[in-house]
Amino acid sequence: MAWKIYFWLVAALLLLPLPFKIFEYATGRDGSPKTVKIEEMVNAAFFSVGLVGLYGLAYQQSFLMPAFWRTWVILAIVVSLTAVLWSPKLTYGVSVMGKSNTRAFIAVGTIFLAPMLVGVWLYAATV
């Protein structure tokens, strides 16, 4: 039951803001640089793939091969570590809200998404 609740929380975090973000991008209301917009959309797409694996774990459905999910988790860790060390969004965040607030948001995001990586890894073991 906990995985189902967590799945829906992550799904809401990843998917609900997308239409609003795309609208802001299309109308020019989002003043962030193009590189930040690209990074946000690529991350949303990438982590949405993991959302499928998390769904599979929560609802005991079989999607793709275990090697795919293990590879995705490893790539997600690399992507997450790279984003902490360097990313256009990180640079932009520091310029908008300062270094300490940006670090706090990164920490909260990392803590929130860490169980997803664990869940998808566990899912790979059960597929």
N, C-alpha and C. Protein backbone atom coordinates (compact mmCIF):
# COMPACT_ATOMS: atom_id res chain seq x y z
N MET A 1 0.82 -1.20 0.00
CA MET A 1 0.00 0.00 0.00
C MET A 1 0.86 1.27 0.00
N ALA A 2 1.99 1.23 0.72
CA ALA A 2 2.86 2.41 0.78
C ALA A 2 3.42 2.75 -0.59
N TRP A 3 3.76 1.73 -1.38
CA TRP A 3 4.30 1.99 -2.72
C TRP A 3 3.25 2.63 -3.62
N LYS A 4 2.00 2.25 -3.45
CA LYS A 4 0.92 2.85 -4.25
C LYS A 4 0.76 4.34 -3.91
N ILE A 5 0.78 4.64 -2.62
CA ILE A 5 0.66 6.05 -2.20
C ILE A 5 1.86 6.84 -2.72
N TYR A 6 3.04 6.28 -2.55
CA TYR A 6 4.25 6.97 -3.01
C TYR A 6 4.22 7.15 -4.53
N PHE A 7 3.77 6.13 -5.26
CA PHE A 7 3.67 6.25 -6.72
C PHE A 7 2.80 7.45 -7.09
N TRP A 8 1.64 7.59 -6.47
CA TRP A 8 0.74 8.69 -6.82
C TRP A 8 1.31 10.04 -6.42
N LEU A 9 2.06 10.09 -5.34
CA LEU A 9 2.72 11.35 -4.96
C LEU A 9 3.76 11.75 -6.00
N VAL A 10 4.57 10.79 -6.41
CA VAL A 10 5.59 11.08 -7.42
C VAL A 10 4.94 11.43 -8.76
N ALA A 11 3.91 10.70 -9.13
CA ALA A 11 3.20 10.99 -10.38
C ALA A 11 2.66 12.41 -10.36
N ALA A 12 2.09 12.82 -9.24
CA ALA A 12 1.56 14.18 -9.13
C ALA A 12 2.69 15.20 -9.24
N LEU A 13 3.80 14.93 -8.57
CA LEU A 13 4.94 15.85 -8.61
C LEU A 13 5.52 15.99 -10.02
N LEU A 14 5.59 14.89 -10.74
CA LEU A 14 6.19 14.92 -12.08
C LEU A 14 5.22 15.38 -13.17
N LEU A 15 3.99 14.93 -13.10
CA LEU A 15 3.09 15.11 -14.24
C LEU A 15 2.13 16.31 -14.14
N LEU A 16 1.66 16.62 -12.95
CA LEU A 16 0.70 17.73 -12.83
C LEU A 16 1.26 19.08 -13.27
N PRO A 17 2.51 19.41 -12.97
CA PRO A 17 3.02 20.72 -13.38
C PRO A 17 3.31 20.84 -14.89
N LEU A 18 3.40 19.72 -15.60
CA LEU A 18 3.82 19.77 -17.01
C LEU A 18 2.95 20.66 -17.89
N PRO A 19 1.64 20.54 -17.87
CA PRO A 19 0.84 21.42 -18.75
C PRO A 19 1.05 22.90 -18.44
N PHE A 20 1.21 23.23 -17.17
CA PHE A 20 1.42 24.63 -16.78
C PHE A 20 2.80 25.12 -17.23
N LYS A 21 3.80 24.25 -17.09
CA LYS A 21 5.15 24.61 -17.54
C LYS A 21 5.17 24.83 -19.05
N ILE A 22 4.57 23.92 -19.77
CA ILE A 22 4.54 24.03 -21.23
C ILE A 22 3.80 25.30 -21.64
N PHE A 23 2.70 25.60 -20.96
CA PHE A 23 1.97 26.84 -21.25
C PHE A 23 2.85 28.06 -20.99
N GLU A 24 3.55 28.07 -19.86
CA GLU A 24 4.44 29.20 -19.55
C GLU A 24 5.57 29.32 -20.57
N TYR A 25 6.10 28.20 -21.00
CA TYR A 25 7.15 28.23 -22.03
C TYR A 25 6.60 28.81 -23.33
N ALA A 26 5.43 28.32 -23.73
CA ALA A 26 4.84 28.72 -25.01
C ALA A 26 4.45 30.20 -25.03
N THR A 27 4.00 30.72 -23.90
CA THR A 27 3.55 32.12 -23.85
C THR A 27 4.66 33.09 -23.46
N GLY A 28 5.83 32.55 -23.11
CA GLY A 28 6.94 33.41 -22.73
C GLY A 28 6.88 33.92 -21.31
N ARG A 29 5.99 33.38 -20.50
CA ARG A 29 5.87 33.82 -19.11
C ARG A 29 6.99 33.30 -18.22
N ASP A 30 7.62 32.22 -18.64
CA ASP A 30 8.75 31.66 -17.88
C ASP A 30 10.02 32.34 -18.38
N GLY A 31 10.68 33.06 -17.51
CA GLY A 31 11.86 33.82 -17.91
C GLY A 31 13.17 33.06 -17.81
N SER A 32 13.11 31.77 -17.51
CA SER A 32 14.34 31.00 -17.38
C SER A 32 15.00 30.80 -18.75
N PRO A 33 16.32 30.59 -18.76
CA PRO A 33 17.02 30.36 -20.02
C PRO A 33 16.53 29.07 -20.72
N LYS A 34 16.74 29.02 -22.00
CA LYS A 34 16.32 27.86 -22.80
C LYS A 34 16.95 26.57 -22.29
N THR A 35 18.21 26.63 -21.84
CA THR A 35 18.88 25.42 -21.34
C THR A 35 18.18 24.86 -20.10
N VAL A 36 17.64 25.74 -19.26
CA VAL A 36 16.91 25.29 -18.07
C VAL A 36 15.60 24.61 -18.50
N LYS A 37 14.93 25.18 -19.47
CA LYS A 37 13.68 24.60 -19.95
C LYS A 37 13.91 23.22 -20.55
N ILE A 38 14.98 23.10 -21.33
CA ILE A 38 15.32 21.80 -21.93
C ILE A 38 15.63 20.79 -20.84
N GLU A 39 16.43 21.21 -19.86
CA GLU A 39 16.78 20.30 -18.76
C GLU A 39 15.54 19.84 -18.01
N GLU A 40 14.63 20.76 -17.73
CA GLU A 40 13.40 20.40 -17.01
C GLU A 40 12.58 19.37 -17.78
N MET A 41 12.43 19.56 -19.08
CA MET A 41 11.63 18.64 -19.88
C MET A 41 12.32 17.28 -20.04
N VAL A 42 13.62 17.28 -20.22
CA VAL A 42 14.37 16.02 -20.32
C VAL A 42 14.27 15.25 -19.00
N ASN A 43 14.45 15.95 -17.88
CA ASN A 43 14.33 15.29 -16.57
C ASN A 43 12.93 14.75 -16.35
N ALA A 44 11.93 15.51 -16.72
CA ALA A 44 10.54 15.05 -16.55
C ALA A 44 10.31 13.78 -17.37
N ALA A 45 10.79 13.76 -18.60
CA ALA A 45 10.62 12.58 -19.45
C ALA A 45 11.40 11.39 -18.88
N PHE A 46 12.65 11.64 -18.48
CA PHE A 46 13.50 10.56 -17.96
C PHE A 46 12.90 9.95 -16.69
N PHE A 47 12.50 10.79 -15.74
CA PHE A 47 11.97 10.26 -14.49
C PHE A 47 10.55 9.70 -14.66
N SER A 48 9.85 10.10 -15.72
CA SER A 48 8.55 9.49 -16.01
C SER A 48 8.71 8.04 -16.45
N VAL A 49 9.83 7.73 -17.08
CA VAL A 49 10.13 6.33 -17.42
C VAL A 49 10.24 5.52 -16.13
N GLY A 50 10.95 6.06 -15.15
CA GLY A 50 11.06 5.39 -13.86
C GLY A 50 9.71 5.25 -13.16
N LEU A 51 8.83 6.19 -13.43
CA LEU A 51 7.49 6.14 -12.87
C LEU A 51 6.75 4.88 -13.34
N VAL A 52 7.02 4.46 -14.56
CA VAL A 52 6.43 3.22 -15.08
C VAL A 52 6.91 2.03 -14.25
N GLY A 53 8.21 2.00 -13.95
CA GLY A 53 8.75 0.93 -13.11
C GLY A 53 8.17 0.96 -11.71
N LEU A 54 8.02 2.15 -11.17
CA LEU A 54 7.43 2.29 -9.83
C LEU A 54 5.98 1.82 -9.84
N TYR A 55 5.26 2.12 -10.91
CA TYR A 55 3.89 1.64 -11.06
C TYR A 55 3.88 0.11 -11.08
N GLY A 56 4.83 -0.46 -11.84
CA GLY A 56 4.93 -1.92 -11.92
C GLY A 56 5.14 -2.55 -10.55
N LEU A 57 5.98 -1.93 -9.74
CA LEU A 57 6.20 -2.43 -8.38
C LEU A 57 4.94 -2.30 -7.53
N ALA A 58 4.33 -1.13 -7.56
CA ALA A 58 3.17 -0.86 -6.71
C ALA A 58 1.97 -1.73 -7.08
N TYR A 59 1.78 -1.96 -8.36
CA TYR A 59 0.59 -2.68 -8.82
C TYR A 59 0.91 -4.06 -9.37
N GLN A 60 2.12 -4.54 -9.15
CA GLN A 60 2.56 -5.87 -9.54
C GLN A 60 2.28 -6.18 -11.02
N GLN A 61 2.72 -5.25 -11.86
CA GLN A 61 2.59 -5.39 -13.31
C GLN A 61 3.99 -5.61 -13.88
N SER A 62 4.07 -6.29 -14.98
CA SER A 62 5.37 -6.55 -15.59
C SER A 62 5.58 -5.68 -16.82
N PHE A 63 6.63 -4.84 -16.77
CA PHE A 63 6.99 -3.98 -17.89
C PHE A 63 8.48 -4.13 -18.16
N LEU A 64 8.83 -4.49 -19.34
CA LEU A 64 10.22 -4.58 -19.79
C LEU A 64 11.04 -5.57 -18.96
N MET A 65 12.32 -5.62 -19.28
CA MET A 65 13.21 -6.61 -18.65
C MET A 65 13.92 -6.01 -17.44
N PRO A 66 14.31 -6.86 -16.49
CA PRO A 66 15.03 -6.37 -15.31
C PRO A 66 16.29 -5.57 -15.65
N ALA A 67 17.00 -5.97 -16.68
CA ALA A 67 18.24 -5.26 -17.06
C ALA A 67 17.92 -3.81 -17.45
N PHE A 68 16.77 -3.59 -18.08
CA PHE A 68 16.37 -2.23 -18.44
C PHE A 68 16.21 -1.39 -17.18
N TRP A 69 15.53 -1.92 -16.17
CA TRP A 69 15.25 -1.16 -14.96
C TRP A 69 16.52 -0.93 -14.13
N ARG A 70 17.40 -1.94 -14.09
CA ARG A 70 18.68 -1.74 -13.38
C ARG A 70 19.50 -0.65 -14.06
N THR A 71 19.52 -0.68 -15.39
CA THR A 71 20.25 0.34 -16.15
C THR A 71 19.64 1.71 -15.90
N TRP A 72 18.31 1.77 -15.88
CA TRP A 72 17.65 3.06 -15.63
C TRP A 72 18.03 3.60 -14.26
N VAL A 73 18.05 2.76 -13.24
CA VAL A 73 18.41 3.22 -11.89
C VAL A 73 19.84 3.75 -11.87
N ILE A 74 20.75 3.03 -12.49
CA ILE A 74 22.15 3.48 -12.53
C ILE A 74 22.25 4.83 -13.25
N LEU A 75 21.56 4.96 -14.38
CA LEU A 75 21.55 6.24 -15.10
C LEU A 75 20.91 7.34 -14.27
N ALA A 76 19.85 7.01 -13.54
CA ALA A 76 19.18 8.01 -12.70
C ALA A 76 20.12 8.51 -11.60
N ILE A 77 20.92 7.63 -11.05
CA ILE A 77 21.89 8.05 -10.03
C ILE A 77 22.93 8.96 -10.66
N VAL A 78 23.42 8.60 -11.84
CA VAL A 78 24.41 9.43 -12.54
C VAL A 78 23.81 10.80 -12.88
N VAL A 79 22.60 10.80 -13.41
CA VAL A 79 21.93 12.06 -13.76
C VAL A 79 21.73 12.92 -12.51
N SER A 80 21.32 12.31 -11.43
CA SER A 80 21.07 13.06 -10.19
C SER A 80 22.37 13.64 -9.63
N LEU A 81 23.42 12.85 -9.62
CA LEU A 81 24.71 13.36 -9.11
C LEU A 81 25.26 14.46 -10.00
N THR A 82 25.11 14.29 -11.29
CA THR A 82 25.57 15.32 -12.23
C THR A 82 24.80 16.61 -12.02
N ALA A 83 23.50 16.50 -11.80
CA ALA A 83 22.67 17.69 -11.59
C ALA A 83 23.05 18.43 -10.32
N VAL A 84 23.50 17.69 -9.31
CA VAL A 84 23.92 18.33 -8.06
C VAL A 84 25.24 19.08 -8.25
N LEU A 85 26.11 18.53 -9.08
CA LEU A 85 27.42 19.13 -9.30
C LEU A 85 27.40 20.23 -10.36
N TRP A 86 26.61 20.00 -11.43
CA TRP A 86 26.53 20.99 -12.50
C TRP A 86 25.24 20.78 -13.27
N SER A 87 24.52 21.85 -13.45
CA SER A 87 23.35 21.85 -14.33
C SER A 87 22.92 23.29 -14.55
N PRO A 88 22.33 23.56 -15.71
CA PRO A 88 21.82 24.90 -15.96
C PRO A 88 20.78 25.33 -14.93
N LYS A 89 19.95 24.39 -14.49
CA LYS A 89 18.91 24.72 -13.51
C LYS A 89 19.54 25.09 -12.17
N LEU A 90 20.60 24.42 -11.80
CA LEU A 90 21.31 24.73 -10.55
C LEU A 90 21.88 26.14 -10.60
N THR A 91 22.55 26.47 -11.69
CA THR A 91 23.12 27.80 -11.87
C THR A 91 22.02 28.87 -11.84
N TYR A 92 20.94 28.60 -12.55
CA TYR A 92 19.82 29.54 -12.58
C TYR A 92 19.17 29.68 -11.21
N GLY A 93 19.01 28.56 -10.51
CA GLY A 93 18.41 28.59 -9.18
C GLY A 93 19.21 29.44 -8.20
N VAL A 94 20.54 29.34 -8.27
CA VAL A 94 21.39 30.15 -7.39
C VAL A 94 21.20 31.63 -7.70
N SER A 95 21.09 31.96 -8.99
CA SER A 95 20.93 33.37 -9.35
C SER A 95 19.56 33.93 -8.95
N VAL A 96 18.56 33.07 -8.87
CA VAL A 96 17.20 33.51 -8.55
C VAL A 96 16.93 33.52 -7.04
N MET A 97 17.33 32.45 -6.35
CA MET A 97 16.95 32.35 -4.94
C MET A 97 18.12 32.15 -3.99
N GLY A 98 19.33 32.22 -4.48
CA GLY A 98 20.49 32.10 -3.61
C GLY A 98 20.97 30.67 -3.45
N LYS A 99 22.19 30.56 -2.99
CA LYS A 99 22.84 29.26 -2.88
C LYS A 99 22.20 28.36 -1.82
N SER A 100 21.91 28.89 -0.65
CA SER A 100 21.38 28.04 0.43
C SER A 100 19.96 27.55 0.13
N ASN A 101 19.11 28.41 -0.44
CA ASN A 101 17.77 27.96 -0.81
C ASN A 101 17.81 26.93 -1.93
N THR A 102 18.71 27.14 -2.89
CA THR A 102 18.85 26.18 -3.98
C THR A 102 19.30 24.83 -3.44
N ARG A 103 20.27 24.82 -2.54
CA ARG A 103 20.73 23.57 -1.93
C ARG A 103 19.60 22.88 -1.16
N ALA A 104 18.78 23.67 -0.46
CA ALA A 104 17.66 23.09 0.29
C ALA A 104 16.66 22.42 -0.66
N PHE A 105 16.35 23.07 -1.77
CA PHE A 105 15.43 22.47 -2.74
C PHE A 105 16.02 21.21 -3.35
N ILE A 106 17.31 21.21 -3.64
CA ILE A 106 17.96 20.02 -4.18
C ILE A 106 17.90 18.88 -3.16
N ALA A 107 18.17 19.19 -1.90
CA ALA A 107 18.14 18.17 -0.85
C ALA A 107 16.75 17.56 -0.72
N VAL A 108 15.72 18.41 -0.70
CA VAL A 108 14.35 17.92 -0.57
C VAL A 108 13.97 17.05 -1.78
N GLY A 109 14.33 17.51 -2.97
CA GLY A 109 14.03 16.74 -4.18
C GLY A 109 14.73 15.40 -4.20
N THR A 110 15.98 15.38 -3.77
CA THR A 110 16.75 14.14 -3.74
C THR A 110 16.16 13.17 -2.73
N ILE A 111 15.82 13.66 -1.57
CA ILE A 111 15.23 12.81 -0.53
C ILE A 111 13.88 12.27 -0.99
N PHE A 112 13.10 13.11 -1.67
CA PHE A 112 11.79 12.68 -2.13
C PHE A 112 11.88 11.62 -3.22
N LEU A 113 12.85 11.73 -4.13
CA LEU A 113 12.94 10.79 -5.24
C LEU A 113 13.80 9.57 -4.95
N ALA A 114 14.57 9.58 -3.87
CA ALA A 114 15.42 8.43 -3.54
C ALA A 114 14.63 7.12 -3.40
N PRO A 115 13.48 7.12 -2.73
CA PRO A 115 12.72 5.87 -2.65
C PRO A 115 12.28 5.35 -4.02
N MET A 116 12.11 6.24 -4.98
CA MET A 116 11.75 5.81 -6.33
C MET A 116 12.86 4.93 -6.91
N LEU A 117 14.10 5.34 -6.71
CA LEU A 117 15.22 4.55 -7.22
C LEU A 117 15.27 3.19 -6.54
N VAL A 118 15.06 3.18 -5.24
CA VAL A 118 15.03 1.92 -4.49
C VAL A 118 13.88 1.05 -4.98
N GLY A 119 12.73 1.65 -5.16
CA GLY A 119 11.56 0.90 -5.63
C GLY A 119 11.76 0.30 -7.00
N VAL A 120 12.33 1.07 -7.92
CA VAL A 120 12.55 0.55 -9.28
C VAL A 120 13.61 -0.55 -9.24
N TRP A 121 14.62 -0.40 -8.37
CA TRP A 121 15.64 -1.46 -8.24
C TRP A 121 14.98 -2.75 -7.69
N LEU A 122 14.13 -2.61 -6.69
CA LEU A 122 13.40 -3.77 -6.16
C LEU A 122 12.49 -4.37 -7.23
N TYR A 123 11.88 -3.51 -8.01
CA TYR A 123 11.02 -3.98 -9.10
C TYR A 123 11.82 -4.80 -10.10
N ALA A 124 13.04 -4.37 -10.41
CA ALA A 124 13.90 -5.11 -11.34
C ALA A 124 14.18 -6.51 -10.81
N ALA A 125 14.24 -6.66 -9.50
CA ALA A 125 14.50 -7.96 -8.89
C ALA A 125 13.29 -8.88 -8.94
N THR A 126 12.10 -8.30 -9.15
CA THR A 126 10.88 -9.10 -9.13
C THR A 126 10.26 -9.35 -10.50
N VAL A 127 10.72 -8.61 -11.52
CA VAL A 127 10.13 -8.74 -12.86
C VAL A 127 10.49 -10.07 -13.46
